[in-house]
Protein backbone atom coordinates (compact mmCIF):
# COMPACT_ATOMS: atom_id res chain seq x y z
CA MET A 1 17.99 -81.57 -14.71
CA ASN A 2 21.39 -80.48 -13.43
CA ASN A 3 22.16 -77.00 -14.79
CA ASN A 4 25.49 -76.72 -13.03
CA TRP A 5 27.91 -76.23 -15.95
CA MET A 6 30.87 -77.13 -13.73
CA THR A 7 29.62 -80.72 -13.28
CA LYS A 8 28.98 -81.56 -16.94
CA PRO A 9 31.55 -83.67 -18.86
CA ARG A 10 33.81 -81.28 -20.75
CA SER A 11 36.88 -81.55 -22.93
CA ARG A 12 40.23 -80.13 -21.82
CA ARG A 13 39.87 -77.37 -24.45
CA GLU A 14 36.37 -76.42 -23.20
CA THR A 15 37.60 -76.35 -19.62
CA LEU A 16 40.52 -74.07 -20.48
CA GLN A 17 38.30 -71.77 -22.54
CA SER A 18 35.83 -71.33 -19.68
CA ALA A 19 38.56 -70.87 -17.09
CA LEU A 20 40.38 -68.26 -19.13
CA GLY A 21 37.29 -66.60 -20.58
CA ILE A 22 38.85 -66.61 -24.05
CA GLY A 23 35.67 -67.36 -25.98
CA SER A 24 34.84 -63.70 -26.44
CA LEU A 25 38.42 -62.44 -26.66
CA ALA A 26 40.37 -64.76 -28.90
CA ALA A 27 38.41 -64.23 -32.11
CA GLY A 28 40.29 -62.13 -34.63
CA GLY A 29 43.36 -61.73 -32.43
CA MET A 30 41.67 -58.84 -30.63
CA LEU A 31 43.38 -59.51 -27.32
CA ALA A 32 46.86 -59.11 -28.76
CA SER A 33 46.05 -55.97 -30.72
CA ALA A 34 44.09 -54.25 -27.97
CA CYS A 35 46.70 -54.88 -25.30
CA ALA A 36 49.59 -53.32 -27.21
CA PRO A 37 51.29 -50.70 -25.00
CA ALA A 38 49.89 -47.19 -25.29
CA SER A 39 53.25 -45.53 -24.72
CA ASP A 40 56.90 -46.33 -25.40
CA PRO A 41 59.19 -47.65 -22.63
CA GLN A 42 60.91 -45.00 -20.54
CA PRO A 43 64.43 -44.13 -21.76
CA ALA A 44 67.34 -44.45 -19.36
CA GLY A 45 67.87 -41.25 -17.40
CA ALA A 46 64.29 -40.01 -17.82
CA LYS A 47 63.21 -37.33 -15.35
CA ARG A 48 61.67 -38.43 -12.03
CA GLU A 49 59.69 -36.40 -9.53
CA PRO A 50 58.53 -38.69 -6.69
CA VAL A 51 54.79 -38.70 -5.97
CA ASP A 52 53.57 -38.72 -2.38
CA PHE A 53 50.57 -41.03 -2.74
CA SER A 54 49.51 -40.29 0.85
CA ASP A 55 48.82 -36.69 -0.25
CA PRO A 56 45.26 -36.66 -1.70
CA THR A 57 46.09 -33.88 -4.17
CA GLN A 58 49.17 -35.65 -5.57
CA SER A 59 47.35 -38.98 -5.54
CA LEU A 60 44.43 -37.59 -7.53
CA ARG A 61 46.71 -35.98 -10.10
CA ALA A 62 48.57 -39.28 -10.56
CA PHE A 63 45.25 -41.08 -10.99
CA ILE A 64 44.16 -38.67 -13.73
CA LYS A 65 47.51 -39.15 -15.49
CA LEU A 66 46.96 -42.90 -15.29
CA THR A 67 43.34 -43.11 -16.45
CA GLY A 68 43.40 -40.27 -18.98
CA ASP A 69 45.65 -37.35 -19.86
CA LEU A 70 46.51 -34.19 -17.92
CA ASP A 71 46.35 -32.28 -21.23
CA PRO A 72 42.71 -31.06 -21.53
CA THR A 73 42.93 -31.10 -25.33
CA VAL A 74 43.71 -34.83 -25.51
CA GLU A 75 41.00 -37.49 -25.70
CA THR A 76 41.97 -40.91 -24.33
CA PRO A 77 40.41 -44.14 -25.60
CA SER A 78 40.50 -47.37 -23.61
CA TRP A 79 39.38 -50.91 -24.42
CA PHE A 80 37.78 -53.64 -22.32
CA GLY A 81 36.62 -57.18 -23.01
CA GLY A 82 35.69 -60.32 -21.13
CA THR A 83 32.87 -62.51 -19.88
CA VAL A 84 29.58 -61.92 -18.04
CA PHE A 85 28.51 -64.54 -15.50
CA GLY A 86 25.11 -65.10 -13.89
CA ASP A 87 24.62 -65.89 -10.21
CA ALA A 88 21.06 -67.21 -9.87
CA ARG A 89 21.41 -69.82 -7.14
CA ARG A 90 23.57 -69.83 -4.06
CA ASP A 91 24.04 -73.61 -4.27
CA ARG A 92 25.35 -73.60 -7.86
CA ALA A 93 28.47 -72.28 -9.56
CA LEU A 94 28.24 -69.06 -11.55
CA LYS A 95 27.10 -69.57 -15.14
CA PRO A 96 28.94 -67.89 -18.06
CA LEU A 97 26.20 -66.19 -20.10
CA PHE A 98 27.81 -64.09 -22.83
CA GLY A 99 30.91 -62.10 -23.65
CA VAL A 100 31.29 -58.34 -23.73
CA GLN A 101 33.66 -56.04 -25.59
CA GLY A 102 33.70 -52.27 -25.74
CA PHE A 103 35.61 -49.04 -25.32
CA GLY A 104 35.38 -45.61 -23.77
CA VAL A 105 36.73 -42.19 -24.67
CA LEU A 106 37.43 -39.60 -21.99
CA ARG A 107 38.89 -36.15 -21.58
CA THR A 108 39.88 -34.37 -18.35
CA GLU A 109 39.86 -30.73 -17.25
CA GLN A 110 41.57 -29.52 -14.09
CA GLU A 111 39.76 -26.80 -12.13
CA ALA A 112 41.28 -23.98 -10.07
CA ASP A 113 40.75 -25.88 -6.80
CA GLY A 114 42.74 -28.88 -8.06
CA SER A 115 39.70 -31.05 -8.80
CA PHE A 116 39.16 -32.64 -12.19
CA ARG A 117 36.18 -32.83 -14.50
CA ILE A 118 35.95 -36.13 -16.36
CA PHE A 119 34.07 -36.17 -19.66
CA ASN A 120 33.47 -39.80 -20.56
CA ARG A 121 31.52 -41.75 -23.19
CA GLU A 122 31.30 -45.55 -23.41
CA CYS A 123 29.83 -48.30 -25.54
CA ALA A 124 30.01 -52.08 -25.65
CA PHE A 125 28.49 -55.01 -27.48
CA TYR A 126 27.70 -58.47 -26.18
CA THR A 127 29.17 -61.55 -27.83
CA ASP A 128 28.55 -65.26 -28.24
CA LEU A 129 30.79 -67.23 -25.90
CA LYS A 130 31.64 -69.89 -28.48
CA THR A 131 32.25 -67.78 -31.58
CA GLY A 132 33.16 -64.37 -30.16
CA LYS A 133 30.74 -62.80 -32.66
CA PHE A 134 28.54 -59.88 -31.67
CA ILE A 135 24.93 -60.92 -31.01
CA ASP A 136 21.56 -59.23 -31.51
CA GLN A 137 19.59 -62.02 -29.84
CA TRP A 138 20.33 -64.22 -26.86
CA LYS A 139 18.62 -67.34 -25.57
CA ASN A 140 18.12 -66.79 -21.87
CA ALA A 141 20.11 -69.51 -20.13
CA TYR A 142 17.55 -69.67 -17.31
CA THR A 143 14.15 -69.21 -18.98
CA LYS A 144 15.07 -70.28 -22.56
CA GLU A 145 13.29 -67.16 -23.85
CA ILE A 146 14.78 -65.43 -26.92
CA CYS A 147 15.72 -61.87 -25.91
CA ASP A 148 16.70 -58.89 -28.03
CA VAL A 149 20.18 -57.82 -26.94
CA LYS A 150 20.75 -54.13 -26.20
CA PRO A 151 24.33 -52.83 -26.42
CA ILE A 152 25.80 -50.53 -23.80
CA HIS A 153 25.66 -47.03 -25.28
CA ASN A 154 26.04 -44.34 -22.66
CA MET A 155 26.58 -40.97 -24.34
CA THR A 156 27.46 -39.16 -21.12
CA VAL A 157 29.16 -40.68 -18.08
CA ASN A 158 30.79 -37.61 -16.55
CA ALA A 159 32.28 -37.35 -13.07
CA HIS A 160 33.89 -34.80 -10.77
CA LEU A 161 36.98 -36.08 -8.95
CA ILE A 162 37.72 -33.97 -5.88
CA VAL A 163 39.79 -33.77 -2.73
CA SER A 164 37.29 -33.96 0.13
CA LYS A 165 38.07 -32.69 3.63
CA LYS A 166 36.12 -35.62 5.08
CA VAL A 167 37.39 -38.61 3.11
CA GLY A 168 40.36 -37.43 1.02
CA THR A 169 39.82 -38.22 -2.65
CA ALA A 170 36.18 -38.59 -3.66
CA ILE A 171 33.99 -38.81 -6.75
CA GLU A 172 30.88 -36.69 -7.33
CA MET A 173 28.70 -38.31 -9.95
CA ASP A 174 25.13 -38.56 -11.20
CA PHE A 175 23.74 -42.09 -10.86
CA ASP A 176 20.43 -42.23 -12.79
CA GLY A 177 19.36 -38.82 -11.51
CA ASN A 178 20.87 -39.23 -8.03
CA VAL A 179 23.92 -37.00 -7.52
CA MET A 180 26.17 -38.69 -4.97
CA GLU A 181 29.58 -38.08 -3.42
CA VAL A 182 31.34 -41.40 -2.98
CA PRO A 183 34.73 -41.89 -1.23
CA LEU A 184 37.47 -42.71 -3.73
CA PRO A 185 40.26 -44.61 -1.97
CA LEU A 186 42.76 -45.17 -4.77
CA GLY A 187 44.62 -48.01 -3.09
CA TRP A 188 48.11 -47.41 -4.47
CA GLN A 189 50.74 -50.14 -4.06
CA ASN A 190 54.06 -50.54 -5.81
CA PHE A 191 56.47 -53.39 -6.44
CA ASP A 192 59.73 -52.18 -7.98
CA ASP A 193 58.62 -50.20 -11.06
CA LYS A 194 55.11 -51.71 -11.09
CA LEU A 195 52.53 -49.37 -9.59
CA PHE A 196 49.12 -50.85 -8.78
CA SER A 197 45.95 -48.76 -8.58
CA THR A 198 42.57 -49.90 -7.28
CA PHE A 199 39.55 -47.68 -7.92
CA GLU A 200 36.24 -48.87 -6.43
CA VAL A 201 32.74 -47.41 -6.52
CA HIS A 202 30.06 -49.09 -4.40
CA THR A 203 26.55 -47.66 -4.68
CA ALA A 204 22.87 -48.38 -4.11
CA PHE A 205 20.19 -46.08 -5.53
CA PRO A 206 16.54 -46.14 -6.68
CA ASN A 207 15.86 -48.01 -9.90
CA LEU A 208 14.37 -45.90 -12.70
CA LEU A 209 12.71 -49.08 -13.95
CA LYS A 210 10.12 -49.52 -11.21
CA PRO A 211 8.87 -53.10 -10.84
CA GLU A 212 5.22 -52.04 -11.02
CA ASP A 213 5.83 -50.33 -14.37
CA TRP A 214 8.48 -52.67 -15.80
CA PRO A 215 7.57 -56.12 -14.42
CA ARG A 216 9.72 -58.07 -16.91
CA GLU A 217 12.70 -55.73 -17.06
CA SER A 218 13.10 -54.36 -13.53
CA ALA A 219 15.41 -56.19 -11.15
CA GLY A 220 13.80 -54.44 -8.17
CA LYS A 221 13.27 -51.09 -6.51
CA VAL A 222 16.96 -50.54 -5.73
CA LEU A 223 20.01 -50.99 -7.96
CA ARG A 224 23.08 -52.10 -6.03
CA MET A 225 26.36 -51.87 -7.94
CA ALA A 226 30.01 -52.58 -7.30
CA GLU A 227 32.53 -51.42 -9.91
CA ILE A 228 36.20 -52.28 -9.35
CA PHE A 229 38.98 -51.04 -11.64
CA GLN A 230 42.46 -52.46 -11.09
CA ARG A 231 45.34 -51.06 -13.13
CA VAL A 232 49.08 -51.66 -13.42
CA VAL A 233 51.37 -48.86 -14.62
CA SER A 234 55.06 -47.99 -14.70
CA LEU A 235 56.00 -45.90 -11.66
CA ALA A 236 58.66 -44.22 -13.81
CA GLU A 237 55.98 -42.99 -16.22
CA VAL A 238 53.80 -41.66 -13.41
CA GLU A 239 56.78 -39.80 -11.91
CA ASN A 240 58.04 -38.40 -15.21
CA PRO A 241 57.02 -34.69 -15.27
CA ASP A 242 57.52 -34.54 -19.04
CA LEU A 243 54.65 -36.98 -19.60
CA THR A 244 50.99 -35.98 -19.33
CA SER A 245 49.76 -39.57 -19.58
CA ALA A 246 50.89 -42.99 -18.34
CA ASP A 247 50.08 -46.33 -19.96
CA TYR A 248 48.11 -48.97 -18.06
CA SER A 249 46.63 -52.44 -18.35
CA GLY A 250 44.32 -54.05 -15.85
CA CYS A 251 40.94 -55.52 -15.04
CA TRP A 252 37.40 -54.20 -14.66
CA THR A 253 35.02 -56.14 -12.42
CA ARG A 254 31.37 -55.30 -11.95
CA VAL A 255 28.71 -56.89 -9.75
CA GLY A 256 25.21 -55.69 -10.50
CA PRO A 257 21.60 -56.66 -11.23
CA TRP A 258 20.20 -58.45 -14.24
CA LEU A 259 20.17 -56.30 -17.37
CA PRO A 260 16.68 -55.15 -18.44
CA TRP A 261 16.83 -56.87 -21.82
CA MET A 262 17.43 -60.25 -20.16
CA ARG A 263 13.79 -60.22 -18.95
CA GLN A 264 14.66 -61.74 -15.59
CA GLY A 265 12.32 -59.48 -13.66
CA GLN A 266 12.73 -59.69 -9.89
CA THR A 267 14.23 -63.18 -10.01
CA PRO A 268 16.90 -63.34 -7.28
CA GLY A 269 20.46 -63.12 -8.55
CA ASN A 270 23.00 -60.82 -10.14
CA LEU A 271 25.64 -60.50 -12.84
CA LEU A 272 29.42 -60.55 -12.59
CA PHE A 273 31.38 -58.78 -15.34
CA ARG A 274 35.00 -59.95 -15.50
CA THR A 275 37.10 -58.14 -18.09
CA PHE A 276 40.56 -57.08 -19.12
CA MET A 277 41.13 -53.41 -19.97
CA THR A 278 43.92 -51.25 -21.34
CA LYS A 279 44.63 -47.69 -22.43
CA LEU A 280 45.01 -47.14 -26.18
CA ARG A 281 47.17 -44.73 -28.17
CA SER A 282 44.31 -43.88 -30.52
CA ILE A 283 40.93 -44.98 -31.85
CA GLU A 284 42.78 -46.87 -34.57
CA GLN A 285 43.91 -49.44 -31.98
CA ILE A 286 40.34 -50.57 -31.33
CA PRO A 287 39.93 -54.16 -32.60
CA ALA A 288 38.68 -54.19 -36.19
CA ASP A 289 35.37 -55.95 -35.56
CA LEU A 290 34.49 -53.68 -32.63
CA LYS A 291 35.46 -50.59 -34.61
CA ALA A 292 33.37 -51.73 -37.60
CA ILE A 293 30.17 -52.39 -35.65
CA THR A 294 30.55 -49.10 -33.78
CA GLU A 295 31.03 -47.18 -37.04
CA GLU A 296 27.87 -48.83 -38.35
CA ARG A 297 25.62 -48.45 -35.31
CA LEU A 298 27.11 -45.90 -32.89
CA PRO A 299 29.46 -43.61 -34.87
CA GLU A 300 29.14 -40.79 -32.33
CA PHE A 301 30.95 -42.86 -29.68
CA PHE A 302 34.47 -42.29 -30.98
CA VAL A 303 34.74 -38.92 -29.19
CA ALA A 304 34.37 -37.76 -25.60
CA PRO A 305 31.33 -35.69 -24.54
CA PRO A 306 31.59 -31.94 -25.26
CA PRO A 307 31.96 -29.36 -22.44
CA GLU A 308 28.26 -28.42 -22.58
CA THR A 309 27.34 -31.85 -21.21
CA TRP A 310 28.76 -30.87 -17.82
CA GLY A 311 25.99 -30.80 -15.21
CA THR A 312 23.58 -32.90 -17.26
CA GLU A 313 22.31 -36.30 -16.15
CA ASN A 314 24.51 -39.28 -16.90
CA ASP A 315 23.42 -42.29 -18.90
CA SER A 316 23.41 -45.93 -17.79
CA SER A 317 22.23 -49.24 -19.22
CA PHE A 318 19.04 -48.77 -17.19
CA SER A 319 18.24 -45.13 -17.98
CA VAL A 320 18.96 -45.65 -21.69
CA TYR A 321 16.73 -48.73 -21.74
CA ALA A 322 13.89 -46.73 -20.17
CA GLN A 323 14.30 -43.98 -22.78
CA GLU A 324 14.35 -46.30 -25.79
CA ASN A 325 11.86 -49.03 -24.89
CA GLU A 326 8.31 -49.63 -23.72
CA PRO A 327 7.51 -51.99 -20.83
CA LEU A 328 6.71 -55.58 -21.72
CA PRO A 329 3.45 -56.96 -20.32
CA ALA A 330 3.71 -59.13 -17.24
CA LEU A 331 3.71 -62.88 -17.78
CA GLU A 332 0.45 -64.65 -17.04
CA GLU A 333 0.63 -66.79 -13.94
């Protein structure tokens, strides 16, 4: 049987929906509401203080203003939504598996040395590609097994953004119990008033879900991740000293292993997350269906982590799964 979705007869509407990934975004008008600008356009004659993006200290400060708020009392929500694809065979096209929609809330604190503490919390729910509705079960597109879907609910995803003598800007972060310093090239480019920012984190670290203990859920001994955040912002907002925050819209891309709840085990392959994202003015801008399911199931996710979480281990889809679930028995051969 040919499982290559690209070769099956499809209507023009189906082709456009797959190409644009609108199955999980169009329902309820969530794309239009979530992508409303988080700040008003800059008035004529607004103040400007040019930023030297080649200076790591100025670059880092601009990045904090873009992603969050320089005011340590302000919590910044952001939304993301898109499609998750599976890559199981090198001779076949990627397969769209399900949608994803979620949000994060972060707060920043600048330290005396110019570095920034990031207090971040994030959650997301997976959706049916056809209806855009949130799902609690998913029929595995490869094995046909019915799997219980586990939402992303990471209570603490803190990070320390620093200026490193070796690499310039860098991020110090706990990855499932492994504290790592990763170079943070911010990749600024501008075109007239459009300022582009690229933030990438590429890591590989031991998997908490060891294959010998979690034969159905573990993707292997090592988790290899690539997270790429691309944002577009007004240069005038970034250079306005009267503003502590600058609006952005952009894309989040992630390449990583199978999720534990998919029950793929050590089957070769990986997932590609392709999403839009944008900064929000407030929690009230979160799409109604996402806000409702979060209020029902994860009400504590509307605020950033408190200061006392600093220095504690971060959460991830893998560490949270290990905390909340027991290993499934291996399949009989």
